[in-house]
Amino acid sequence: MIRIKCPFCGERDHSEFTYGGDASIVYPALDASAEEWHDAVFLRENIRGMQSETWHHVNGCRMWLVVQRDTVTHEIRSVRPAHEATAKLFAASEEEVA
């Protein structure tokens, strides 16, 4: 069982989340060629080790998160909000608490 520590809800079972995919993918512009879109969507590396992934906390706060997870051991090194503005707000609120 994978346990993900949501920055907003605390530690939760992975069944509360939906896997969103590789967080390192840079998608092409909307007017890019079909070949560029094909490559971005379908050609993926099968990483063995640490990988950045997106996860959606569907049965919780509904936030998108970036999770650093080892694909072999499932160890999670870090979890942060996926959207930069949300990450800044979260960091500011953490500083106020400290």
PDB file of N, CA and C in Angstrom:
ATOM      1  N   MET A   1       0.834  -1.164   0.000  1.00  0.00           N
ATOM      2  CA  MET A   1       0.000   0.000   0.000  1.00  0.00           C
ATOM      3  C   MET A   1       0.891   1.243   0.000  1.00  0.00           C
ATOM      4  N   ILE A   2       0.544   2.202  -0.822  1.00  0.00           N
ATOM      5  CA  ILE A   2       1.264   3.466  -0.880  1.00  0.00           C
ATOM      6  C   ILE A   2       0.510   4.482  -0.017  1.00  0.00           C
ATOM      7  N   ARG A   3       1.243   5.200   0.814  1.00  0.00           N
ATOM      8  CA  ARG A   3       0.673   6.278   1.618  1.00  0.00           C
ATOM      9  C   ARG A   3       1.251   7.592   1.087  1.00  0.00           C
ATOM     10  N   ILE A   4       0.380   8.530   0.749  1.00  0.00           N
ATOM     11  CA  ILE A   4       0.795   9.817   0.209  1.00  0.00           C
ATOM     12  C   ILE A   4       0.467  10.892   1.242  1.00  0.00           C
ATOM     13  N   LYS A   5       1.461  11.701   1.595  1.00  0.00           N
ATOM     14  CA  LYS A   5       1.245  12.761   2.573  1.00  0.00           C
ATOM     15  C   LYS A   5       0.813  14.033   1.839  1.00  0.00           C
ATOM     16  N   CYS A   6      -0.489  14.211   1.744  1.00  0.00           N
ATOM     17  CA  CYS A   6      -1.045  15.398   1.097  1.00  0.00           C
ATOM     18  C   CYS A   6      -0.691  16.625   1.932  1.00  0.00           C
ATOM     19  N   PRO A   7      -0.175  17.697   1.314  1.00  0.00           N
ATOM     20  CA  PRO A   7       0.178  18.887   2.077  1.00  0.00           C
ATOM     21  C   PRO A   7      -1.025  19.552   2.746  1.00  0.00           C
ATOM     22  N   PHE A   8      -2.225  19.260   2.263  1.00  0.00           N
ATOM     23  CA  PHE A   8      -3.427  19.900   2.776  1.00  0.00           C
ATOM     24  C   PHE A   8      -4.220  18.998   3.724  1.00  0.00           C
ATOM     25  N   CYS A   9      -4.200  17.683   3.490  1.00  0.00           N
ATOM     26  CA  CYS A   9      -5.049  16.752   4.237  1.00  0.00           C
ATOM     27  C   CYS A   9      -4.278  15.805   5.152  1.00  0.00           C
ATOM     28  N   GLY A  10      -2.962  15.761   5.016  1.00  0.00           N
ATOM     29  CA  GLY A  10      -2.166  14.823   5.802  1.00  0.00           C
ATOM     30  C   GLY A  10      -1.990  13.498   5.072  1.00  0.00           C
ATOM     31  N   GLU A  11      -1.445  12.520   5.765  1.00  0.00           N
ATOM     32  CA  GLU A  11      -1.148  11.221   5.153  1.00  0.00           C
ATOM     33  C   GLU A  11      -2.432  10.461   4.842  1.00  0.00           C
ATOM     34  N   ARG A  12      -2.516   9.956   3.609  1.00  0.00           N
ATOM     35  CA  ARG A  12      -3.704   9.245   3.150  1.00  0.00           C
ATOM     36  C   ARG A  12      -3.293   8.039   2.312  1.00  0.00           C
ATOM     37  N   ASP A  13      -4.200   7.078   2.204  1.00  0.00           N
ATOM     38  CA  ASP A  13      -3.994   5.908   1.366  1.00  0.00           C
ATOM     39  C   ASP A  13      -4.071   6.322  -0.105  1.00  0.00           C
ATOM     40  N   HIS A  14      -3.284   5.658  -0.944  1.00  0.00           N
ATOM     41  CA  HIS A  14      -3.257   6.019  -2.363  1.00  0.00           C
ATOM     42  C   HIS A  14      -4.612   5.824  -3.045  1.00  0.00           C
ATOM     43  N   SER A  15      -5.518   5.049  -2.438  1.00  0.00           N
ATOM     44  CA  SER A  15      -6.832   4.826  -3.054  1.00  0.00           C
ATOM     45  C   SER A  15      -7.673   6.103  -3.093  1.00  0.00           C
ATOM     46  N   GLU A  16      -7.269   7.143  -2.325  1.00  0.00           N
ATOM     47  CA  GLU A  16      -7.963   8.428  -2.373  1.00  0.00           C
ATOM     48  C   GLU A  16      -7.528   9.269  -3.568  1.00  0.00           C
ATOM     49  N   PHE A  17      -6.475   8.832  -4.246  1.00  0.00           N
ATOM     50  CA  PHE A  17      -5.865   9.612  -5.327  1.00  0.00           C
ATOM     51  C   PHE A  17      -6.047   8.921  -6.678  1.00  0.00           C
ATOM     52  N   THR A  18      -5.939   9.707  -7.728  1.00  0.00           N
ATOM     53  CA  THR A  18      -5.886   9.186  -9.090  1.00  0.00           C
ATOM     54  C   THR A  18      -4.530   9.565  -9.676  1.00  0.00           C
ATOM     55  N   TYR A  19      -3.856   8.582 -10.275  1.00  0.00           N
ATOM     56  CA  TYR A  19      -2.549   8.812 -10.881  1.00  0.00           C
ATOM     57  C   TYR A  19      -2.726   9.651 -12.142  1.00  0.00           C
ATOM     58  N   GLY A  20      -1.925  10.720 -12.260  1.00  0.00           N
ATOM     59  CA  GLY A  20      -2.053  11.614 -13.410  1.00  0.00           C
ATOM     60  C   GLY A  20      -0.977  11.436 -14.457  1.00  0.00           C
ATOM     61  N   GLY A  21       0.113  10.761 -14.122  1.00  0.00           N
ATOM     62  CA  GLY A  21       1.162  10.537 -15.113  1.00  0.00           C
ATOM     63  C   GLY A  21       2.469  11.221 -14.755  1.00  0.00           C
ATOM     64  N   ASP A  22       3.394  11.146 -15.682  1.00  0.00           N
ATOM     65  CA  ASP A  22       4.741  11.695 -15.543  1.00  0.00           C
ATOM     66  C   ASP A  22       4.659  13.221 -15.478  1.00  0.00           C
ATOM     67  N   ALA A  23       5.168  13.804 -14.398  1.00  0.00           N
ATOM     68  CA  ALA A  23       5.096  15.253 -14.208  1.00  0.00           C
ATOM     69  C   ALA A  23       6.167  16.015 -14.985  1.00  0.00           C
ATOM     70  N   SER A  24       7.116  15.310 -15.579  1.00  0.00           N
ATOM     71  CA  SER A  24       8.203  16.003 -16.280  1.00  0.00           C
ATOM     72  C   SER A  24       7.900  16.252 -17.750  1.00  0.00           C
ATOM     73  N   ILE A  25       6.767  15.807 -18.234  1.00  0.00           N
ATOM     74  CA  ILE A  25       6.435  15.955 -19.644  1.00  0.00           C
ATOM     75  C   ILE A  25       6.130  17.417 -19.969  1.00  0.00           C
ATOM     76  N   VAL A  26       6.736  17.902 -21.050  1.00  0.00           N
ATOM     77  CA  VAL A  26       6.438  19.243 -21.556  1.00  0.00           C
ATOM     78  C   VAL A  26       5.628  19.047 -22.832  1.00  0.00           C
ATOM     79  N   TYR A  27       4.385  19.490 -22.788  1.00  0.00           N
ATOM     80  CA  TYR A  27       3.512  19.314 -23.947  1.00  0.00           C
ATOM     81  C   TYR A  27       3.767  20.400 -24.975  1.00  0.00           C
ATOM     82  N   PRO A  28       3.585  20.081 -26.260  1.00  0.00           N
ATOM     83  CA  PRO A  28       3.809  21.072 -27.312  1.00  0.00           C
ATOM     84  C   PRO A  28       2.678  22.106 -27.346  1.00  0.00           C
ATOM     85  N   ALA A  29       2.882  23.146 -28.126  1.00  0.00           N
ATOM     86  CA  ALA A  29       1.851  24.174 -28.311  1.00  0.00           C
ATOM     87  C   ALA A  29       0.613  23.541 -28.941  1.00  0.00           C
ATOM     88  N   LEU A  30      -0.535  24.143 -28.710  1.00  0.00           N
ATOM     89  CA  LEU A  30      -1.784  23.586 -29.241  1.00  0.00           C
ATOM     90  C   LEU A  30      -1.781  23.467 -30.759  1.00  0.00           C
ATOM     91  N   ASP A  31      -1.048  24.341 -31.434  1.00  0.00           N
ATOM     92  CA  ASP A  31      -1.010  24.288 -32.906  1.00  0.00           C
ATOM     93  C   ASP A  31       0.160  23.451 -33.438  1.00  0.00           C
ATOM     94  N   ALA A  32       0.795  22.664 -32.583  1.00  0.00           N
ATOM     95  CA  ALA A  32       1.918  21.807 -32.999  1.00  0.00           C
ATOM     96  C   ALA A  32       1.417  20.702 -33.919  1.00  0.00           C
ATOM     97  N   SER A  33       2.335  20.086 -34.609  1.00  0.00           N
ATOM     98  CA  SER A  33       1.986  19.027 -35.554  1.00  0.00           C
ATOM     99  C   SER A  33       1.458  17.787 -34.828  1.00  0.00           C
ATOM    100  N   ALA A  34       0.754  16.955 -35.584  1.00  0.00           N
ATOM    101  CA  ALA A  34       0.236  15.702 -35.027  1.00  0.00           C
ATOM    102  C   ALA A  34       1.388  14.819 -34.550  1.00  0.00           C
ATOM    103  N   GLU A  35       2.513  14.853 -35.257  1.00  0.00           N
ATOM    104  CA  GLU A  35       3.664  14.040 -34.869  1.00  0.00           C
ATOM    105  C   GLU A  35       4.221  14.491 -33.508  1.00  0.00           C
ATOM    106  N   GLU A  36       4.298  15.812 -33.291  1.00  0.00           N
ATOM    107  CA  GLU A  36       4.786  16.320 -32.004  1.00  0.00           C
ATOM    108  C   GLU A  36       3.842  15.911 -30.870  1.00  0.00           C
ATOM    109  N   TRP A  37       2.535  15.997 -31.124  1.00  0.00           N
ATOM    110  CA  TRP A  37       1.566  15.593 -30.106  1.00  0.00           C
ATOM    111  C   TRP A  37       1.627  14.095 -29.857  1.00  0.00           C
ATOM    112  N   HIS A  38       1.780  13.311 -30.919  1.00  0.00           N
ATOM    113  CA  HIS A  38       1.909  11.864 -30.781  1.00  0.00           C
ATOM    114  C   HIS A  38       3.085  11.524 -29.867  1.00  0.00           C
ATOM    115  N   ASP A  39       4.225  12.144 -30.139  1.00  0.00           N
ATOM    116  CA  ASP A  39       5.423  11.864 -29.352  1.00  0.00           C
ATOM    117  C   ASP A  39       5.231  12.261 -27.883  1.00  0.00           C
ATOM    118  N   ALA A  40       4.605  13.412 -27.642  1.00  0.00           N
ATOM    119  CA  ALA A  40       4.404  13.886 -26.271  1.00  0.00           C
ATOM    120  C   ALA A  40       3.440  12.995 -25.496  1.00  0.00           C
ATOM    121  N   VAL A  41       2.431  12.493 -26.174  1.00  0.00           N
ATOM    122  CA  VAL A  41       1.401  11.709 -25.491  1.00  0.00           C
ATOM    123  C   VAL A  41       1.783  10.234 -25.350  1.00  0.00           C
ATOM    124  N   PHE A  42       2.376   9.648 -26.380  1.00  0.00           N
ATOM    125  CA  PHE A  42       2.561   8.205 -26.391  1.00  0.00           C
ATOM    126  C   PHE A  42       3.985   7.705 -26.152  1.00  0.00           C
ATOM    127  N   LEU A  43       4.988   8.514 -26.391  1.00  0.00           N
ATOM    128  CA  LEU A  43       6.362   8.045 -26.231  1.00  0.00           C
ATOM    129  C   LEU A  43       6.872   8.426 -24.850  1.00  0.00           C
ATOM    130  N   ARG A  44       6.972   7.439 -23.989  1.00  0.00           N
ATOM    131  CA  ARG A  44       7.360   7.658 -22.602  1.00  0.00           C
ATOM    132  C   ARG A  44       8.550   6.768 -22.239  1.00  0.00           C
ATOM    133  N   GLU A  45       9.352   7.268 -21.284  1.00  0.00           N
ATOM    134  CA  GLU A  45      10.415   6.446 -20.729  1.00  0.00           C
ATOM    135  C   GLU A  45       9.831   5.656 -19.571  1.00  0.00           C
ATOM    136  N   ASN A  46      10.240   4.426 -19.430  1.00  0.00           N
ATOM    137  CA  ASN A  46       9.833   3.605 -18.292  1.00  0.00           C
ATOM    138  C   ASN A  46      10.940   3.712 -17.256  1.00  0.00           C
ATOM    139  N   ILE A  47      10.820   4.726 -16.410  1.00  0.00           N
ATOM    140  CA  ILE A  47      11.872   5.066 -15.451  1.00  0.00           C
ATOM    141  C   ILE A  47      11.938   4.038 -14.326  1.00  0.00           C
ATOM    142  N   ARG A  48      13.147   3.591 -14.031  1.00  0.00           N
ATOM    143  CA  ARG A  48      13.387   2.713 -12.885  1.00  0.00           C
ATOM    144  C   ARG A  48      14.104   3.555 -11.849  1.00  0.00           C
ATOM    145  N   GLY A  49      13.411   3.929 -10.799  1.00  0.00           N
ATOM    146  CA  GLY A  49      13.987   4.792  -9.775  1.00  0.00           C
ATOM    147  C   GLY A  49      13.078   5.982  -9.508  1.00  0.00           C
ATOM    148  N   MET A  50      13.677   7.099  -9.092  1.00  0.00           N
ATOM    149  CA  MET A  50      12.891   8.281  -8.730  1.00  0.00           C
ATOM    150  C   MET A  50      12.253   8.912  -9.960  1.00  0.00           C
ATOM    151  N   GLN A  51      10.993   9.240  -9.804  1.00  0.00           N
ATOM    152  CA  GLN A  51      10.240   9.851 -10.894  1.00  0.00           C
ATOM    153  C   GLN A  51       9.286  10.892 -10.310  1.00  0.00           C
ATOM    154  N   SER A  52       9.107  11.992 -11.028  1.00  0.00           N
ATOM    155  CA  SER A  52       8.106  12.989 -10.654  1.00  0.00           C
ATOM    156  C   SER A  52       6.792  12.590 -11.306  1.00  0.00           C
ATOM    157  N   GLU A  53       5.749  12.509 -10.493  1.00  0.00           N
ATOM    158  CA  GLU A  53       4.444  12.087 -10.990  1.00  0.00           C
ATOM    159  C   GLU A  53       3.384  13.072 -10.525  1.00  0.00           C
ATOM    160  N   THR A  54       2.315  13.183 -11.280  1.00  0.00           N
ATOM    161  CA  THR A  54       1.175  13.966 -10.824  1.00  0.00           C
ATOM    162  C   THR A  54       0.121  13.023 -10.271  1.00  0.00           C
ATOM    163  N   TRP A  55      -0.478  13.429  -9.168  1.00  0.00           N
ATOM    164  CA  TRP A  55      -1.553  12.684  -8.525  1.00  0.00           C
ATOM    165  C   TRP A  55      -2.663  13.672  -8.183  1.00  0.00           C
ATOM    166  N   HIS A  56      -3.896  13.267  -8.381  1.00  0.00           N
ATOM    167  CA  HIS A  56      -5.057  14.108  -8.079  1.00  0.00           C
ATOM    168  C   HIS A  56      -5.729  13.560  -6.826  1.00  0.00           C
ATOM    169  N   HIS A  57      -5.866  14.389  -5.797  1.00  0.00           N
ATOM    170  CA  HIS A  57      -6.490  13.940  -4.549  1.00  0.00           C
ATOM    171  C   HIS A  57      -8.010  14.022  -4.699  1.00  0.00           C
ATOM    172  N   VAL A  58      -8.547  13.082  -5.439  1.00  0.00           N
ATOM    173  CA  VAL A  58      -9.963  13.058  -5.804  1.00  0.00           C
ATOM    174  C   VAL A  58     -10.870  12.959  -4.587  1.00  0.00           C
ATOM    175  N   ASN A  59     -10.550  12.085  -3.653  1.00  0.00           N
ATOM    176  CA  ASN A  59     -11.401  11.872  -2.478  1.00  0.00           C
ATOM    177  C   ASN A  59     -10.893  12.622  -1.261  1.00  0.00           C
ATOM    178  N   GLY A  60     -10.369  13.810  -1.497  1.00  0.00           N
ATOM    179  CA  GLY A  60      -9.860  14.652  -0.418  1.00  0.00           C
ATOM    180  C   GLY A  60     -10.035  16.101  -0.820  1.00  0.00           C
ATOM    181  N   CYS A  61      -8.939  16.838  -0.835  1.00  0.00           N
ATOM    182  CA  CYS A  61      -8.973  18.270  -1.118  1.00  0.00           C
ATOM    183  C   CYS A  61      -9.142  18.591  -2.604  1.00  0.00           C
ATOM    184  N   ARG A  62      -9.032  17.576  -3.465  1.00  0.00           N
ATOM    185  CA  ARG A  62      -9.178  17.697  -4.918  1.00  0.00           C
ATOM    186  C   ARG A  62      -8.033  18.464  -5.588  1.00  0.00           C
ATOM    187  N   MET A  63      -6.921  18.616  -4.881  1.00  0.00           N
ATOM    188  CA  MET A  63      -5.764  19.320  -5.435  1.00  0.00           C
ATOM    189  C   MET A  63      -4.906  18.368  -6.271  1.00  0.00           C
ATOM    190  N   TRP A  64      -4.234  18.926  -7.274  1.00  0.00           N
ATOM    191  CA  TRP A  64      -3.236  18.193  -8.038  1.00  0.00           C
ATOM    192  C   TRP A  64      -1.902  18.348  -7.326  1.00  0.00           C
ATOM    193  N   LEU A  65      -1.188  17.233  -7.185  1.00  0.00           N
ATOM    194  CA  LEU A  65       0.083  17.215  -6.470  1.00  0.00           C
ATOM    195  C   LEU A  65       1.183  16.643  -7.355  1.00  0.00           C
ATOM    196  N   VAL A  66       2.411  17.064  -7.104  1.00  0.00           N
ATOM    197  CA  VAL A  66       3.585  16.458  -7.735  1.00  0.00           C
ATOM    198  C   VAL A  66       4.257  15.624  -6.662  1.00  0.00           C
ATOM    199  N   VAL A  67       4.378  14.338  -6.940  1.00  0.00           N
ATOM    200  CA  VAL A  67       4.930  13.378  -5.987  1.00  0.00           C
ATOM    201  C   VAL A  67       6.238  12.833  -6.557  1.00  0.00           C
ATOM    202  N   GLN A  68       7.309  12.897  -5.769  1.00  0.00           N
ATOM    203  CA  GLN A  68       8.581  12.267  -6.124  1.00  0.00           C
ATOM    204  C   GLN A  68       8.535  10.856  -5.549  1.00  0.00           C
ATOM    205  N   ARG A  69       8.412   9.845  -6.447  1.00  0.00           N
ATOM    206  CA  ARG A  69       8.234   8.468  -5.992  1.00  0.00           C
ATOM    207  C   ARG A  69       9.225   7.548  -6.678  1.00  0.00           C
ATOM    208  N   ASP A  70       9.789   6.612  -5.916  1.00  0.00           N
ATOM    209  CA  ASP A  70      10.668   5.591  -6.466  1.00  0.00           C
ATOM    210  C   ASP A  70       9.787   4.504  -7.061  1.00  0.00           C
ATOM    211  N   THR A  71       9.938   4.254  -8.347  1.00  0.00           N
ATOM    212  CA  THR A  71       9.080   3.281  -9.030  1.00  0.00           C
ATOM    213  C   THR A  71       9.405   1.840  -8.667  1.00  0.00           C
ATOM    214  N   VAL A  72      10.528   1.610  -8.003  1.00  0.00           N
ATOM    215  CA  VAL A  72      10.897   0.253  -7.597  1.00  0.00           C
ATOM    216  C   VAL A  72      10.388  -0.039  -6.186  1.00  0.00           C
ATOM    217  N   THR A  73      10.678   0.869  -5.251  1.00  0.00           N
ATOM    218  CA  THR A  73      10.338   0.629  -3.845  1.00  0.00           C
ATOM    219  C   THR A  73       9.043   1.321  -3.409  1.00  0.00           C
ATOM    220  N   HIS A  74       8.551   2.239  -4.221  1.00  0.00           N
ATOM    221  CA  HIS A  74       7.363   3.067  -3.929  1.00  0.00           C
ATOM    222  C   HIS A  74       7.613   4.063  -2.802  1.00  0.00           C
ATOM    223  N   GLU A  75       8.881   4.249  -2.406  1.00  0.00           N
ATOM    224  CA  GLU A  75       9.216   5.263  -1.411  1.00  0.00           C
ATOM    225  C   GLU A  75       8.858   6.635  -1.976  1.00  0.00           C
ATOM    226  N   ILE A  76       8.222   7.460  -1.151  1.00  0.00           N
ATOM    227  CA  ILE A  76       7.879   8.814  -1.566  1.00  0.00           C
ATOM    228  C   ILE A  76       8.820   9.774  -0.864  1.00  0.00           C
ATOM    229  N   ARG A  77       9.539  10.576  -1.663  1.00  0.00           N
ATOM    230  CA  ARG A  77      10.516  11.517  -1.107  1.00  0.00           C
ATOM    231  C   ARG A  77       9.908  12.878  -0.826  1.00  0.00           C
ATOM    232  N   SER A  78       8.988  13.317  -1.704  1.00  0.00           N
ATOM    233  CA  SER A  78       8.392  14.635  -1.490  1.00  0.00           C
ATOM    234  C   SER A  78       7.030  14.706  -2.164  1.00  0.00           C
ATOM    235  N   VAL A  79       6.212  15.616  -1.641  1.00  0.00           N
ATOM    236  CA  VAL A  79       4.892  15.892  -2.206  1.00  0.00           C
ATOM    237  C   VAL A  79       4.706  17.397  -2.136  1.00  0.00           C
ATOM    238  N   ARG A  80       4.291  17.990  -3.253  1.00  0.00           N
ATOM    239  CA  ARG A  80       4.051  19.435  -3.276  1.00  0.00           C
ATOM    240  C   ARG A  80       2.862  19.730  -4.187  1.00  0.00           C
ATOM    241  N   PRO A  81       2.230  20.886  -4.012  1.00  0.00           N
ATOM    242  CA  PRO A  81       1.147  21.260  -4.925  1.00  0.00           C
ATOM    243  C   PRO A  81       1.683  21.369  -6.353  1.00  0.00           C
ATOM    244  N   ALA A  82       0.887  20.961  -7.316  1.00  0.00           N
ATOM    245  CA  ALA A  82       1.322  20.963  -8.715  1.00  0.00           C
ATOM    246  C   ALA A  82       1.345  22.361  -9.320  1.00  0.00           C
ATOM    247  N   HIS A  83       0.475  23.221  -8.874  1.00  0.00           N
ATOM    248  CA  HIS A  83       0.386  24.565  -9.453  1.00  0.00           C
ATOM    249  C   HIS A  83       1.231  25.541  -8.640  1.00  0.00           C
ATOM    250  N   GLU A  84       2.043  26.302  -9.331  1.00  0.00           N
ATOM    251  CA  GLU A  84       3.007  27.183  -8.680  1.00  0.00           C
ATOM    252  C   GLU A  84       2.339  28.175  -7.725  1.00  0.00           C
ATOM    253  N   ALA A  85       1.231  28.779  -8.137  1.00  0.00           N
ATOM    254  CA  ALA A  85       0.556  29.757  -7.282  1.00  0.00           C
ATOM    255  C   ALA A  85       0.068  29.108  -5.984  1.00  0.00           C
ATOM    256  N   THR A  86      -0.468  27.911  -6.087  1.00  0.00           N
ATOM    257  CA  THR A  86      -0.925  27.194  -4.895  1.00  0.00           C
ATOM    258  C   THR A  86       0.262  26.842  -4.005  1.00  0.00           C
ATOM    259  N   ALA A  87       1.373  26.439  -4.614  1.00  0.00           N
ATOM    260  CA  ALA A  87       2.566  26.096  -3.848  1.00  0.00           C
ATOM    261  C   ALA A  87       3.064  27.317  -3.065  1.00  0.00           C
ATOM    262  N   LYS A  88       3.023  28.503  -3.678  1.00  0.00           N
ATOM    263  CA  LYS A  88       3.462  29.716  -2.993  1.00  0.00           C
ATOM    264  C   LYS A  88       2.538  30.042  -1.824  1.00  0.00           C
ATOM    265  N   LEU A  89       1.232  29.913  -2.024  1.00  0.00           N
ATOM    266  CA  LEU A  89       0.275  30.163  -0.949  1.00  0.00           C
ATOM    267  C   LEU A  89       0.483  29.184   0.199  1.00  0.00           C
ATOM    268  N   PHE A  90       0.706  27.926  -0.157  1.00  0.00           N
ATOM    269  CA  PHE A  90       0.920  26.897   0.860  1.00  0.00           C
ATOM    270  C   PHE A  90       2.194  27.187   1.650  1.00  0.00           C
ATOM    271  N   ALA A  91       3.274  27.561   0.961  1.00  0.00           N
ATOM    272  CA  ALA A  91       4.539  27.858   1.621  1.00  0.00           C
ATOM    273  C   ALA A  91       4.382  29.056   2.564  1.00  0.00           C
ATOM    274  N   ALA A  92       3.645  30.071   2.133  1.00  0.00           N
ATOM    275  CA  ALA A  92       3.432  31.260   2.963  1.00  0.00           C
ATOM    276  C   ALA A  92       2.645  30.900   4.220  1.00  0.00           C
ATOM    277  N   SER A  93       1.629  30.041   4.085  1.00  0.00           N
ATOM    278  CA  SER A  93       0.835  29.667   5.251  1.00  0.00           C
ATOM    279  C   SER A  93       1.652  28.789   6.213  1.00  0.00           C
ATOM    280  N   GLU A  94       2.559  27.975   5.696  1.00  0.00           N
ATOM    281  CA  GLU A  94       3.441  27.163   6.533  1.00  0.00           C
ATOM    282  C   GLU A  94       4.389  28.053   7.340  1.00  0.00           C
ATOM    283  N   GLU A  95       4.871  29.133   6.730  1.00  0.00           N
ATOM    284  CA  GLU A  95       5.781  30.047   7.421  1.00  0.00           C
ATOM    285  C   GLU A  95       5.060  30.760   8.554  1.00  0.00           C
ATOM    286  N   GLU A  96       3.770  31.091   8.352  1.00  0.00           N
ATOM    287  CA  GLU A  96       2.998  31.763   9.398  1.00  0.00           C
ATOM    288  C   GLU A  96       2.806  30.865  10.602  1.00  0.00           C
ATOM    289  N   VAL A  97       2.654  29.559  10.367  1.00  0.00           N
ATOM    290  CA  VAL A  97       2.449  28.598  11.443  1.00  0.00           C
ATOM    291  C   VAL A  97       3.732  28.417  12.256  1.00  0.00           C
ATOM    292  N   ALA A  98       4.862  28.451  11.570  1.00  0.00           N
ATOM    293  CA  ALA A  98       6.166  28.200  12.234  1.00  0.00           C
ATOM    294  C   ALA A  98       6.624  29.324  13.107  1.00  0.00           C
TER     295      ALA A  98
END
